[in-house]
C-alpha atoms as a PDB file:
ATOM      1  CA  MET A   1     -13.407  -9.672  -7.865  1.00  0.00           C
ATOM      2  CA  ALA A   2     -13.695  -6.189  -8.892  1.00  0.00           C
ATOM      3  CA  ALA A   3     -14.646  -3.463  -6.348  1.00  0.00           C
ATOM      4  CA  GLY A   4     -17.995  -3.094  -7.572  1.00  0.00           C
ATOM      5  CA  ALA A   5     -18.603  -6.620  -6.548  1.00  0.00           C
ATOM      6  CA  VAL A   6     -16.921  -5.803  -3.141  1.00  0.00           C
ATOM      7  CA  LEU A   7     -19.489  -3.113  -2.645  1.00  0.00           C
ATOM      8  CA  GLY A   8     -22.619  -5.059  -3.473  1.00  0.00           C
ATOM      9  CA  LEU A   9     -22.650  -3.141  -7.268  1.00  0.00           C
ATOM     10  CA  GLN A  10     -21.977  -6.416  -9.248  1.00  0.00           C
ATOM     11  CA  PRO A  11     -24.096  -7.269 -12.395  1.00  0.00           C
ATOM     12  CA  VAL A  12     -26.708  -9.911 -12.395  1.00  0.00           C
ATOM     13  CA  ALA A  13     -24.291 -12.404 -13.680  1.00  0.00           C
ATOM     14  CA  ALA A  14     -21.525 -11.855 -10.960  1.00  0.00           C
ATOM     15  CA  GLN A  15     -24.523 -11.975  -8.305  1.00  0.00           C
ATOM     16  CA  GLU A  16     -25.412 -15.377  -9.662  1.00  0.00           C
ATOM     17  CA  ALA A  17     -21.841 -16.591  -9.467  1.00  0.00           C
ATOM     18  CA  ALA A  18     -20.886 -15.108  -6.013  1.00  0.00           C
ATOM     19  CA  PRO A  19     -20.029 -17.711  -3.219  1.00  0.00           C
ATOM     20  CA  ALA A  20     -22.340 -18.445  -0.619  1.00  0.00           C
ATOM     21  CA  VAL A  21     -20.109 -16.986   1.997  1.00  0.00           C
ATOM     22  CA  THR A  22     -17.946 -14.040   1.780  1.00  0.00           C
ATOM     23  CA  PRO A  23     -15.439 -12.375   4.300  1.00  0.00           C
ATOM     24  CA  ALA A  24     -16.697  -9.560   6.451  1.00  0.00           C
ATOM     25  CA  SER A  25     -13.585  -7.779   5.654  1.00  0.00           C
ATOM     26  CA  GLN A  26     -12.464  -6.672   2.107  1.00  0.00           C
ATOM     27  CA  TRP A  27      -9.144  -5.858   0.585  1.00  0.00           C
ATOM     28  CA  ILE A  28      -9.348  -3.292  -2.431  1.00  0.00           C
ATOM     29  CA  THR A  29      -6.211  -2.715  -4.525  1.00  0.00           C
ATOM     30  CA  LEU A  30      -6.691   1.029  -5.197  1.00  0.00           C
ATOM     31  CA  GLY A  31      -3.505   1.748  -7.007  1.00  0.00           C
ATOM     32  CA  THR A  32      -1.230  -1.412  -8.435  1.00  0.00           C
ATOM     33  CA  HIS A  33       1.530   0.420 -10.105  1.00  0.00           C
ATOM     34  CA  GLY A  34       4.998   0.618  -8.329  1.00  0.00           C
ATOM     35  CA  GLY A  35       7.772   3.136  -8.615  1.00  0.00           C
ATOM     36  CA  PRO A  36       7.839   6.864  -9.077  1.00  0.00           C
ATOM     37  CA  VAL A  37       7.075   7.076 -12.683  1.00  0.00           C
ATOM     38  CA  PRO A  38       3.223   7.422 -13.305  1.00  0.00           C
ATOM     39  CA  HIS A  39       1.672   4.768 -15.308  1.00  0.00           C
ATOM     40  CA  PRO A  40      -1.222   5.666 -17.673  1.00  0.00           C
ATOM     41  CA  ASP A  41      -3.112   2.408 -16.715  1.00  0.00           C
ATOM     42  CA  ARG A  42      -2.424   1.994 -13.013  1.00  0.00           C
ATOM     43  CA  ALA A  43      -2.504   4.275 -10.074  1.00  0.00           C
ATOM     44  CA  GLU A  44       0.233   4.630  -7.564  1.00  0.00           C
ATOM     45  CA  PRO A  45       0.440   2.130  -4.679  1.00  0.00           C
ATOM     46  CA  ALA A  46      -2.562   2.255  -2.385  1.00  0.00           C
ATOM     47  CA  ASN A  47      -5.088  -0.147  -0.755  1.00  0.00           C
ATOM     48  CA  LEU A  48      -8.173  -0.144   1.170  1.00  0.00           C
ATOM     49  CA  LEU A  49      -8.942  -2.540   4.127  1.00  0.00           C
ATOM     50  CA  LEU A  50     -12.570  -2.493   4.828  1.00  0.00           C
ATOM     51  CA  THR A  51     -13.700  -4.088   8.193  1.00  0.00           C
ATOM     52  CA  SER A  52     -17.091  -4.460   9.567  1.00  0.00           C
ATOM     53  CA  ASN A  53     -17.292  -0.819  10.507  1.00  0.00           C
ATOM     54  CA  GLU A  54     -14.118   0.800   9.827  1.00  0.00           C
ATOM     55  CA  VAL A  55     -12.013   1.780   6.544  1.00  0.00           C
ATOM     56  CA  TYR A  56      -8.223   2.196   6.505  1.00  0.00           C
ATOM     57  CA  LEU A  57      -5.689   3.090   3.611  1.00  0.00           C
ATOM     58  CA  VAL A  58      -2.801   0.993   3.506  1.00  0.00           C
ATOM     59  CA  ASP A  59      -0.068   3.144   1.787  1.00  0.00           C
ATOM     60  CA  VAL A  60      -1.611   6.239   0.071  1.00  0.00           C
ATOM     61  CA  GLY A  61      -0.070   6.879  -3.178  1.00  0.00           C
ATOM     62  CA  ASP A  62      -0.805   9.657  -5.743  1.00  0.00           C
ATOM     63  CA  GLY A  63      -4.552   9.667  -6.476  1.00  0.00           C
ATOM     64  CA  ALA A  64      -5.599   7.463  -3.484  1.00  0.00           C
ATOM     65  CA  ALA A  65      -8.681   9.817  -2.716  1.00  0.00           C
ATOM     66  CA  ASN A  66      -9.848   9.650  -6.205  1.00  0.00           C
ATOM     67  CA  GLN A  67      -9.442   5.759  -6.249  1.00  0.00           C
ATOM     68  CA  MET A  68     -11.609   5.550  -2.934  1.00  0.00           C
ATOM     69  CA  ALA A  69     -14.249   7.463  -4.672  1.00  0.00           C
ATOM     70  CA  ARG A  70     -14.306   5.220  -7.673  1.00  0.00           C
ATOM     71  CA  ALA A  71     -14.451   2.418  -5.312  1.00  0.00           C
ATOM     72  CA  GLY A  72     -17.469   3.983  -3.849  1.00  0.00           C
ATOM     73  CA  VAL A  73     -15.985   4.389  -0.402  1.00  0.00           C
ATOM     74  CA  PRO A  74     -16.366   7.975   0.967  1.00  0.00           C
ATOM     75  CA  LEU A  75     -13.351   9.781   2.281  1.00  0.00           C
ATOM     76  CA  ALA A  76     -15.223  10.850   5.327  1.00  0.00           C
ATOM     77  CA  ARG A  77     -15.561   7.143   6.360  1.00  0.00           C
ATOM     78  CA  LEU A  78     -11.660   6.967   6.699  1.00  0.00           C
ATOM     79  CA  SER A  79     -10.507   5.817  10.161  1.00  0.00           C
ATOM     80  CA  GLY A  80      -6.758   5.459   9.622  1.00  0.00           C
ATOM     81  CA  VAL A  81      -3.822   5.207   7.283  1.00  0.00           C
ATOM     82  CA  PHE A  82      -1.035   2.645   7.387  1.00  0.00           C
ATOM     83  CA  ILE A  83       2.138   3.653   5.645  1.00  0.00           C
ATOM     84  CA  SER A  84       4.894   0.864   5.089  1.00  0.00           C
ATOM     85  CA  HIS A  85       7.729   3.249   4.176  1.00  0.00           C
ATOM     86  CA  LEU A  86       8.196   7.020   3.003  1.00  0.00           C
ATOM     87  CA  HIS A  87       9.127   6.493  -0.696  1.00  0.00           C
ATOM     88  CA  PHE A  88       7.029   9.138  -2.281  1.00  0.00           C
ATOM     89  CA  ASP A  89       5.090   6.711  -4.576  1.00  0.00           C
ATOM     90  CA  HIS A  90       3.551   5.212  -1.292  1.00  0.00           C
ATOM     91  CA  THR A  91       2.838   8.788   0.283  1.00  0.00           C
ATOM     92  CA  GLY A  92       2.051  11.066  -2.625  1.00  0.00           C
ATOM     93  CA  GLY A  93      -1.673  11.005  -1.901  1.00  0.00           C
ATOM     94  CA  LEU A  94      -1.515  11.635   1.845  1.00  0.00           C
ATOM     95  CA  GLY A  95      -1.621  15.393   1.325  1.00  0.00           C
ATOM     96  CA  ALA A  96      -4.870  15.465  -0.655  1.00  0.00           C
ATOM     97  CA  VAL A  97      -6.346  12.887   1.838  1.00  0.00           C
ATOM     98  CA  LEU A  98      -5.494  15.297   4.693  1.00  0.00           C
ATOM     99  CA  GLY A  99      -6.579  18.531   2.881  1.00  0.00           C
ATOM    100  CA  LEU A 100      -9.684  17.256   1.441  1.00  0.00           C
ATOM    101  CA  ARG A 101     -10.853  15.821   4.796  1.00  0.00           C
ATOM    102  CA  PHE A 102      -9.945  19.237   6.243  1.00  0.00           C
ATOM    103  CA  GLN A 103     -12.000  21.274   3.684  1.00  0.00           C
ATOM    104  CA  THR A 104     -15.044  19.042   3.998  1.00  0.00           C
ATOM    105  CA  GLU A 105     -14.884  19.114   7.759  1.00  0.00           C
ATOM    106  CA  ALA A 106     -14.471  15.344   8.577  1.00  0.00           C
ATOM    107  CA  GLN A 107     -15.605  15.032  12.168  1.00  0.00           C
ATOM    108  CA  ASN A 108     -13.716  11.713  13.155  1.00  0.00           C
ATOM    109  CA  THR A 109      -9.975  11.554  14.229  1.00  0.00           C
ATOM    110  CA  LEU A 110      -7.737  10.183  11.564  1.00  0.00           C
ATOM    111  CA  THR A 111      -4.750   8.372  12.749  1.00  0.00           C
ATOM    112  CA  ILE A 112      -1.798   7.592  10.772  1.00  0.00           C
ATOM    113  CA  TYR A 113       0.592   4.570  11.564  1.00  0.00           C
ATOM    114  CA  GLY A 114       4.017   4.672   9.948  1.00  0.00           C
ATOM    115  CA  PRO A 115       7.675   4.252  10.273  1.00  0.00           C
ATOM    116  CA  PRO A 116       9.954   6.924  11.851  1.00  0.00           C
ATOM    117  CA  GLY A 117       9.844  10.092   9.825  1.00  0.00           C
ATOM    118  CA  THR A 118       6.131   9.709   9.482  1.00  0.00           C
ATOM    119  CA  ARG A 119       5.444  12.569  12.134  1.00  0.00           C
ATOM    120  CA  GLN A 120       7.765  14.908  10.388  1.00  0.00           C
ATOM    121  CA  LEU A 121       5.963  14.070   6.846  1.00  0.00           C
ATOM    122  CA  VAL A 122       2.517  14.932   8.460  1.00  0.00           C
ATOM    123  CA  ASP A 123       3.768  17.893  10.231  1.00  0.00           C
ATOM    124  CA  GLY A 124       5.157  19.135   6.936  1.00  0.00           C
ATOM    125  CA  LEU A 125       1.827  18.468   5.110  1.00  0.00           C
ATOM    126  CA  ILE A 126      -0.340  20.239   7.725  1.00  0.00           C
ATOM    127  CA  ALA A 127       1.835  23.171   7.455  1.00  0.00           C
ATOM    128  CA  SER A 128       1.283  23.378   3.695  1.00  0.00           C
ATOM    129  CA  MET A 129      -2.406  23.243   4.395  1.00  0.00           C
ATOM    130  CA  ARG A 130      -2.344  26.503   6.775  1.00  0.00           C
ATOM    131  CA  PRO A 131      -2.408  29.143   3.878  1.00  0.00           C
ATOM    132  CA  GLY A 132      -5.474  27.497   2.447  1.00  0.00           C
ATOM    133  CA  GLY A 133      -6.996  26.890   5.616  1.00  0.00           C
ATOM    134  CA  GLU A 134      -6.747  30.736   6.502  1.00  0.00           C
ATOM    135  CA  ALA A 135      -8.026  31.775   3.323  1.00  0.00           C
ATOM    136  CA  GLY A 136     -11.132  29.603   3.887  1.00  0.00           C
ATOM    137  CA  TYR A 137     -13.956  30.354   1.439  1.00  0.00           C
ATOM    138  CA  GLY A 138     -12.992  33.703   1.239  1.00  0.00           C
ATOM    139  CA  VAL A 139     -15.935  35.073   3.230  1.00  0.00           C
ATOM    140  CA  PRO A 140     -15.399  37.960   5.692  1.00  0.00           C
ATOM    141  CA  GLY A 141     -15.887  36.866   9.057  1.00  0.00           C
ATOM    142  CA  GLU A 142     -15.345  33.151   8.535  1.00  0.00           C
ATOM    143  CA  ALA A 143     -13.591  31.262  11.455  1.00  0.00           C
ATOM    144  CA  VAL A 144     -10.099  29.807  10.875  1.00  0.00           C
ATOM    145  CA  HIS A 145      -9.782  26.258  11.904  1.00  0.00           C
ATOM    146  CA  ASP A 146      -6.505  24.347  12.849  1.00  0.00           C
ATOM    147  CA  PRO A 147      -5.634  21.909  10.005  1.00  0.00           C
ATOM    148  CA  ALA A 148      -3.787  19.824  12.756  1.00  0.00           C
ATOM    149  CA  ALA A 149      -7.108  18.945  14.539  1.00  0.00           C
ATOM    150  CA  GLY A 150      -8.259  15.597  14.293  1.00  0.00           C
ATOM    151  CA  ILE A 151      -4.901  14.159  13.145  1.00  0.00           C
ATOM    152  CA  ALA A 152      -2.926  11.649  15.218  1.00  0.00           C
ATOM    153  CA  VAL A 153       0.304  10.067  14.237  1.00  0.00           C
ATOM    154  CA  VAL A 154       1.728   6.749  15.714  1.00  0.00           C
ATOM    155  CA  GLU A 155       5.308   5.880  14.665  1.00  0.00           C
ATOM    156  CA  TRP A 156       6.582   2.251  14.662  1.00  0.00           C
ATOM    157  CA  ARG A 157      10.087   1.051  14.302  1.00  0.00           C
ATOM    158  CA  GLY A 158       9.211  -2.683  13.724  1.00  0.00           C
ATOM    159  CA  GLY A 159       8.100  -5.403  15.953  1.00  0.00           C
ATOM    160  CA  GLU A 160       5.004  -3.504  17.568  1.00  0.00           C
ATOM    161  CA  THR A 161       1.503  -5.086  18.008  1.00  0.00           C
ATOM    162  CA  ALA A 162      -1.507  -3.080  18.499  1.00  0.00           C
ATOM    163  CA  VAL A 163      -5.214  -3.591  18.484  1.00  0.00           C
ATOM    164  CA  VAL A 164      -6.894  -1.032  15.969  1.00  0.00           C
ATOM    165  CA  GLY A 165     -10.384  -1.074  15.411  1.00  0.00           C
ATOM    166  CA  GLY A 166     -11.203  -4.505  16.660  1.00  0.00           C
ATOM    167  CA  MET A 167      -8.373  -6.131  14.603  1.00  0.00           C
ATOM    168  CA  THR A 168      -4.793  -6.981  15.829  1.00  0.00           C
ATOM    169  CA  VAL A 169      -1.970  -5.176  13.819  1.00  0.00           C
ATOM    170  CA  ARG A 170       1.527  -6.429  13.874  1.00  0.00           C
ATOM    171  CA  ASN A 171       4.612  -5.312  12.135  1.00  0.00           C
ATOM    172  CA  VAL A 172       8.150  -6.047  11.422  1.00  0.00           C
ATOM    173  CA  GLU A 173      11.125  -4.096   9.813  1.00  0.00           C
ATOM    174  CA  ASN A 174      11.601  -5.577   6.347  1.00  0.00           C
ATOM    175  CA  THR A 175      14.683  -5.632   3.983  1.00  0.00           C
ATOM    176  CA  HIS A 176      13.492  -2.734   1.558  1.00  0.00           C
ATOM    177  CA  TYR A 177      16.362  -0.589   3.207  1.00  0.00           C
ATOM    178  CA  SER A 178      19.937  -1.794   3.739  1.00  0.00           C
ATOM    179  CA  PHE A 179      21.472   0.879   5.521  1.00  0.00           C
ATOM    180  CA  THR A 180      24.867  -0.239   7.217  1.00  0.00           C
ATOM    181  CA  ALA A 181      25.884   0.712  10.646  1.00  0.00           C
ATOM    182  CA  ASP A 182      28.137   3.618   9.561  1.00  0.00           C
ATOM    183  CA  SER A 183      25.530   5.157   7.286  1.00  0.00           C
ATOM    184  CA  PRO A 184      23.821   8.378   8.666  1.00  0.00           C
ATOM    185  CA  GLN A 185      20.323   7.021   7.855  1.00  0.00           C
ATOM    186  CA  TYR A 186      20.955   3.651  10.110  1.00  0.00           C
ATOM    187  CA  GLY A 187      18.320   3.421  12.795  1.00  0.00           C
ATOM    188  CA  ARG A 188      16.536   6.532  11.651  1.00  0.00           C
ATOM    189  CA  TYR A 189      14.438   5.162   8.947  1.00  0.00           C
ATOM    190  CA  ALA A 190      12.697   1.731   8.352  1.00  0.00           C
ATOM    191  CA  SER A 191      10.397  -0.069   5.925  1.00  0.00           C
ATOM    192  CA  LEU A 192       7.565  -2.042   7.465  1.00  0.00           C
ATOM    193  CA  SER A 193       5.533  -5.057   6.577  1.00  0.00           C
ATOM    194  CA  PHE A 194       1.916  -5.478   8.235  1.00  0.00           C
ATOM    195  CA  ARG A 195      -0.217  -8.325   9.416  1.00  0.00           C
ATOM    196  CA  PHE A 196      -3.826  -7.673  10.053  1.00  0.00           C
ATOM    197  CA  ASP A 197      -5.546 -10.311  12.015  1.00  0.00           C
ATOM    198  CA  LEU A 198      -9.369  -9.566  11.796  1.00  0.00           C
ATOM    199  CA  PRO A 199     -12.299 -11.695  13.101  1.00  0.00           C
ATOM    200  CA  ASP A 200     -12.838 -13.312   9.821  1.00  0.00           C
ATOM    201  CA  ARG A 201      -9.257 -13.781   8.608  1.00  0.00           C
ATOM    202  CA  SER A 202      -5.571 -12.512   8.291  1.00  0.00           C
ATOM    203  CA  ILE A 203      -3.947 -10.610   5.785  1.00  0.00           C
ATOM    204  CA  LEU A 204      -0.224 -10.293   5.283  1.00  0.00           C
ATOM    205  CA  TYR A 205       0.860  -6.935   3.435  1.00  0.00           C
ATOM    206  CA  THR A 206       4.508  -6.940   2.443  1.00  0.00           C
ATOM    207  CA  GLY A 207       4.790  -3.407   1.512  1.00  0.00           C
ATOM    208  CA  ASP A 208       8.144  -3.156  -0.393  1.00  0.00           C
ATOM    209  CA  THR A 209      10.751  -5.768   0.644  1.00  0.00           C
ATOM    210  CA  ALA A 210      13.329  -8.061  -0.508  1.00  0.00           C
ATOM    211  CA  PRO A 211      13.266 -11.754   0.611  1.00  0.00           C
ATOM    212  CA  SER A 212      13.007 -11.411   4.678  1.00  0.00           C
ATOM    213  CA  ALA A 213      13.026 -13.866   7.339  1.00  0.00           C
ATOM    214  CA  ALA A 214      11.079 -11.637   9.617  1.00  0.00           C
ATOM    215  CA  VAL A 215       8.335 -11.193   6.942  1.00  0.00           C
ATOM    216  CA  ASP A 216       8.317 -14.872   6.375  1.00  0.00           C
ATOM    217  CA  GLN A 217       7.691 -15.312  10.113  1.00  0.00           C
ATOM    218  CA  LEU A 218       5.089 -12.586  10.335  1.00  0.00           C
ATOM    219  CA  GLY A 219       2.998 -14.170   7.477  1.00  0.00           C
ATOM    220  CA  GLN A 220       2.789 -17.795   8.744  1.00  0.00           C
ATOM    221  CA  GLY A 221      -0.612 -19.126   8.038  1.00  0.00           C
ATOM    222  CA  ALA A 222      -2.119 -15.900   6.749  1.00  0.00           C
ATOM    223  CA  ASP A 223      -5.239 -16.195   4.775  1.00  0.00           C
ATOM    224  CA  LEU A 224      -4.181 -13.791   2.153  1.00  0.00           C
ATOM    225  CA  LEU A 225      -0.969 -12.772   1.184  1.00  0.00           C
ATOM    226  CA  VAL A 226      -0.545  -9.172  -0.529  1.00  0.00           C
ATOM    227  CA  ALA A 227       2.826  -8.979  -2.159  1.00  0.00           C
ATOM    228  CA  GLU A 228       4.981  -6.516  -4.208  1.00  0.00           C
ATOM    229  CA  MET A 229       6.538  -7.816  -7.198  1.00  0.00           C
ATOM    230  CA  ILE A 230       9.429  -6.665  -9.739  1.00  0.00           C
ATOM    231  CA  ASP A 231      10.318  -7.840 -13.181  1.00  0.00           C
ATOM    232  CA  LEU A 232      13.643  -6.800 -13.345  1.00  0.00           C
ATOM    233  CA  ASP A 233      14.325  -7.829 -16.892  1.00  0.00           C
ATOM    234  CA  GLY A 234      11.358  -6.095 -18.223  1.00  0.00           C
ATOM    235  CA  LEU A 235      11.880  -3.092 -16.334  1.00  0.00           C
ATOM    236  CA  LEU A 236      15.545  -2.708 -17.289  1.00  0.00           C
ATOM    237  CA  SER A 237      14.521  -3.272 -20.928  1.00  0.00           C
ATOM    238  CA  ALA A 238      11.738  -0.623 -20.734  1.00  0.00           C
ATOM    239  CA  MET A 239      14.285   1.828 -19.039  1.00  0.00           C
ATOM    240  CA  GLY A 240      16.837   1.132 -21.891  1.00  0.00           C
ATOM    241  CA  PRO A 241      20.043   3.395 -22.129  1.00  0.00           C
ATOM    242  CA  THR A 242      18.146   6.317 -20.107  1.00  0.00           C
ATOM    243  CA  ARG A 243      18.332   4.363 -16.929  1.00  0.00           C
ATOM    244  CA  GLY A 244      21.574   6.010 -15.900  1.00  0.00           C
ATOM    245  CA  ASP A 245      19.764   9.302 -15.786  1.00  0.00           C
ATOM    246  CA  SER A 246      17.623   8.653 -12.837  1.00  0.00           C
ATOM    247  CA  PRO A 247      17.674  11.509 -10.270  1.00  0.00           C
ATOM    248  CA  GLY A 248      18.032   8.810  -7.548  1.00  0.00           C
ATOM    249  CA  GLY A 249      21.740   8.485  -8.204  1.00  0.00           C
ATOM    250  CA  PRO A 250      24.389   6.803 -10.421  1.00  0.00           C
ATOM    251  CA  PRO A 251      23.189   3.733 -12.292  1.00  0.00           C
ATOM    252  CA  SER A 252      25.084   1.441  -9.686  1.00  0.00           C
ATOM    253  CA  ILE A 253      22.743   2.965  -6.882  1.00  0.00           C
ATOM    254  CA  LEU A 254      19.632   2.470  -8.605  1.00  0.00           C
ATOM    255  CA  LEU A 255      20.660  -0.940  -9.965  1.00  0.00           C
ATOM    256  CA  GLU A 256      21.452  -2.159  -6.603  1.00  0.00           C
ATOM    257  CA  HIS A 257      18.153  -1.078  -5.256  1.00  0.00           C
ATOM    258  CA  LEU A 258      16.221  -2.792  -8.034  1.00  0.00           C
ATOM    259  CA  ARG A 259      18.160  -5.829  -7.739  1.00  0.00           C
ATOM    260  CA  THR A 260      18.231  -6.231  -3.821  1.00  0.00           C
ATOM    261  CA  HIS A 261      15.116  -4.464  -2.380  1.00  0.00           C
ATOM    262  CA  HIS A 262      12.217  -6.108  -4.256  1.00  0.00           C
ATOM    263  CA  ILE A 263      10.986  -9.573  -4.829  1.00  0.00           C
ATOM    264  CA  THR A 264      10.596 -11.386  -8.000  1.00  0.00           C
ATOM    265  CA  PRO A 265       7.617 -13.718  -8.900  1.00  0.00           C
ATOM    266  CA  ALA A 266       9.694 -16.809  -8.090  1.00  0.00           C
ATOM    267  CA  GLN A 267      10.651 -15.161  -4.559  1.00  0.00           C
ATOM    268  CA  ILE A 268       6.914 -14.557  -3.989  1.00  0.00           C
ATOM    269  CA  GLY A 269       6.065 -18.296  -4.768  1.00  0.00           C
ATOM    270  CA  GLU A 270       8.880 -19.329  -2.291  1.00  0.00           C
ATOM    271  CA  MET A 271       7.470 -16.782   0.275  1.00  0.00           C
ATOM    272  CA  ALA A 272       3.856 -18.027  -0.083  1.00  0.00           C
ATOM    273  CA  ALA A 273       4.945 -21.660   0.208  1.00  0.00           C
ATOM    274  CA  PHE A 274       6.812 -21.114   3.338  1.00  0.00           C
ATOM    275  CA  MET A 275       4.055 -19.052   5.018  1.00  0.00           C
ATOM    276  CA  GLU A 276       1.436 -21.612   3.887  1.00  0.00           C
ATOM    277  CA  VAL A 277      -0.975 -18.787   2.995  1.00  0.00           C
ATOM    278  CA  GLY A 278      -4.280 -19.525   1.540  1.00  0.00           C
ATOM    279  CA  GLU A 279      -4.266 -17.145  -1.301  1.00  0.00           C
ATOM    280  CA  VAL A 280      -1.743 -14.629  -3.245  1.00  0.00           C
ATOM    281  CA  VAL A 281      -2.581 -11.091  -4.536  1.00  0.00           C
ATOM    282  CA  VAL A 282       0.191  -9.435  -6.312  1.00  0.00           C
ATOM    283  CA  THR A 283       0.339  -5.623  -6.579  1.00  0.00           C
ATOM    284  CA  HIS A 284       2.946  -2.712  -6.676  1.00  0.00           C
ATOM    285  CA  LEU A 285       4.028  -4.121  -9.989  1.00  0.00           C
ATOM    286  CA  VAL A 286       7.441  -3.009 -11.203  1.00  0.00           C
ATOM    287  CA  ILE A 287       7.368  -4.470 -14.530  1.00  0.00           C
ATOM    288  CA  GLY A 288       8.182  -1.596 -17.192  1.00  0.00           C
ATOM    289  CA  ASN A 289       6.020  -1.940 -20.142  1.00  0.00           C
ATOM    290  CA  ALA A 290       4.853  -5.518 -19.741  1.00  0.00           C
ATOM    291  CA  GLY A 291       1.198  -6.059 -20.301  1.00  0.00           C
ATOM    292  CA  ARG A 292      -1.349  -9.144 -19.746  1.00  0.00           C
ATOM    293  CA  GLU A 293       0.952 -11.324 -22.082  1.00  0.00           C
ATOM    294  CA  ALA A 294       3.475 -11.346 -19.121  1.00  0.00           C
ATOM    295  CA  TRP A 295       1.038 -12.254 -16.403  1.00  0.00           C
ATOM    296  CA  ARG A 296       0.711 -15.996 -17.385  1.00  0.00           C
ATOM    297  CA  ARG A 297       4.864 -15.926 -16.935  1.00  0.00           C
ATOM    298  CA  TYR A 298       4.560 -14.277 -13.713  1.00  0.00           C
ATOM    299  CA  GLU A 299       1.831 -16.594 -12.428  1.00  0.00           C
ATOM    300  CA  ALA A 300       3.883 -19.777 -13.651  1.00  0.00           C
ATOM    301  CA  GLU A 301       7.117 -18.419 -11.838  1.00  0.00           C
ATOM    302  CA  ILE A 302       5.088 -18.319  -8.582  1.00  0.00           C
ATOM    303  CA  GLY A 303       3.433 -21.482  -9.400  1.00  0.00           C
ATOM    304  CA  GLU A 304       6.772 -23.208  -9.332  1.00  0.00           C
ATOM    305  CA  HIS A 305       6.715 -23.049  -5.729  1.00  0.00           C
ATOM    306  CA  TYR A 306       3.314 -22.261  -4.746  1.00  0.00           C
ATOM    307  CA  ASP A 307       0.215 -24.090  -5.564  1.00  0.00           C
ATOM    308  CA  GLY A 308      -2.683 -22.037  -4.251  1.00  0.00           C
ATOM    309  CA  VAL A 309      -4.577 -19.142  -5.810  1.00  0.00           C
ATOM    310  CA  VAL A 310      -2.630 -16.276  -7.468  1.00  0.00           C
ATOM    311  CA  THR A 311      -4.217 -13.072  -8.682  1.00  0.00           C
ATOM    312  CA  ILE A 312      -1.992 -10.389 -10.504  1.00  0.00           C
ATOM    313  CA  ALA A 313      -4.183  -7.501  -9.254  1.00  0.00           C
ATOM    314  CA  GLN A 314      -5.545  -4.608 -11.252  1.00  0.00           C
ATOM    315  CA  ASP A 315      -6.700  -1.282  -9.809  1.00  0.00           C
ATOM    316  CA  LEU A 316     -10.002  -1.423  -7.886  1.00  0.00           C
ATOM    317  CA  ASP A 317      -9.932  -5.283  -7.508  1.00  0.00           C
ATOM    318  CA  GLY A 318     -11.413  -6.533  -4.323  1.00  0.00           C
ATOM    319  CA  PHE A 319     -10.511  -9.672  -2.280  1.00  0.00           C
END
């Protein structure tokens, strides 16, 4: 279902085909591309969770504010942001969200929930807003406002449960990071998966992860599984001989990350079957140049293990 349908803007034909009962909550895939290389047809990872009276971003990749506008959801309605981990494809749009809310004088408090390091990230973004905030509209006598006002940060390490806006949010640390005990990053950073239990349904959002027993347990019986995906062969083919030039480090580091920190279509199917979820949405597509012709293969590989509804999401799809 496209986002227009989610927001009651569907054409007549879609209205006639709409089910009699729809969830009170909606999930919109604002950006469905995965990884740090911008894509011409897909925005960076970001999602909207709309409840009966609140709006939340779940990850906030570059362009998230514009994608919200395309979905017909005003930035002023935003109540909170959930960040799964601190890779830039998941956080690149946060500065714009904060800055535009500040410049348009949003009145509500925005709470940002994320892993360790989120507070440092937000503090840095607020600091970057101060010069523009002090300059204001360039009118003499204008009051200077504090860009930190109305922003709250809650850091989670994995295993927390909180009630947020009438829903229960649980999180676990997943396997997107594999720091060993002797590494300086061990215990300082985490990648999280979220479960949102709403009055009408439950949603499990994997964020970026490899197969994870903790995520499998968190998602038991969820109505909707929103999962990341990698097509490793397709990606490496698209990267070609230049893949060793990645700024992330030598090829061995990059390849280890791609091979061990993400999930394949078959692994999504295994995860969905174990969780016994009602429906699967695949997003954060790390698939190189693969187009629609590859979708059937992805769906078939997932379907070898899971016999429910599977959707390869596009930007602004709604569920």
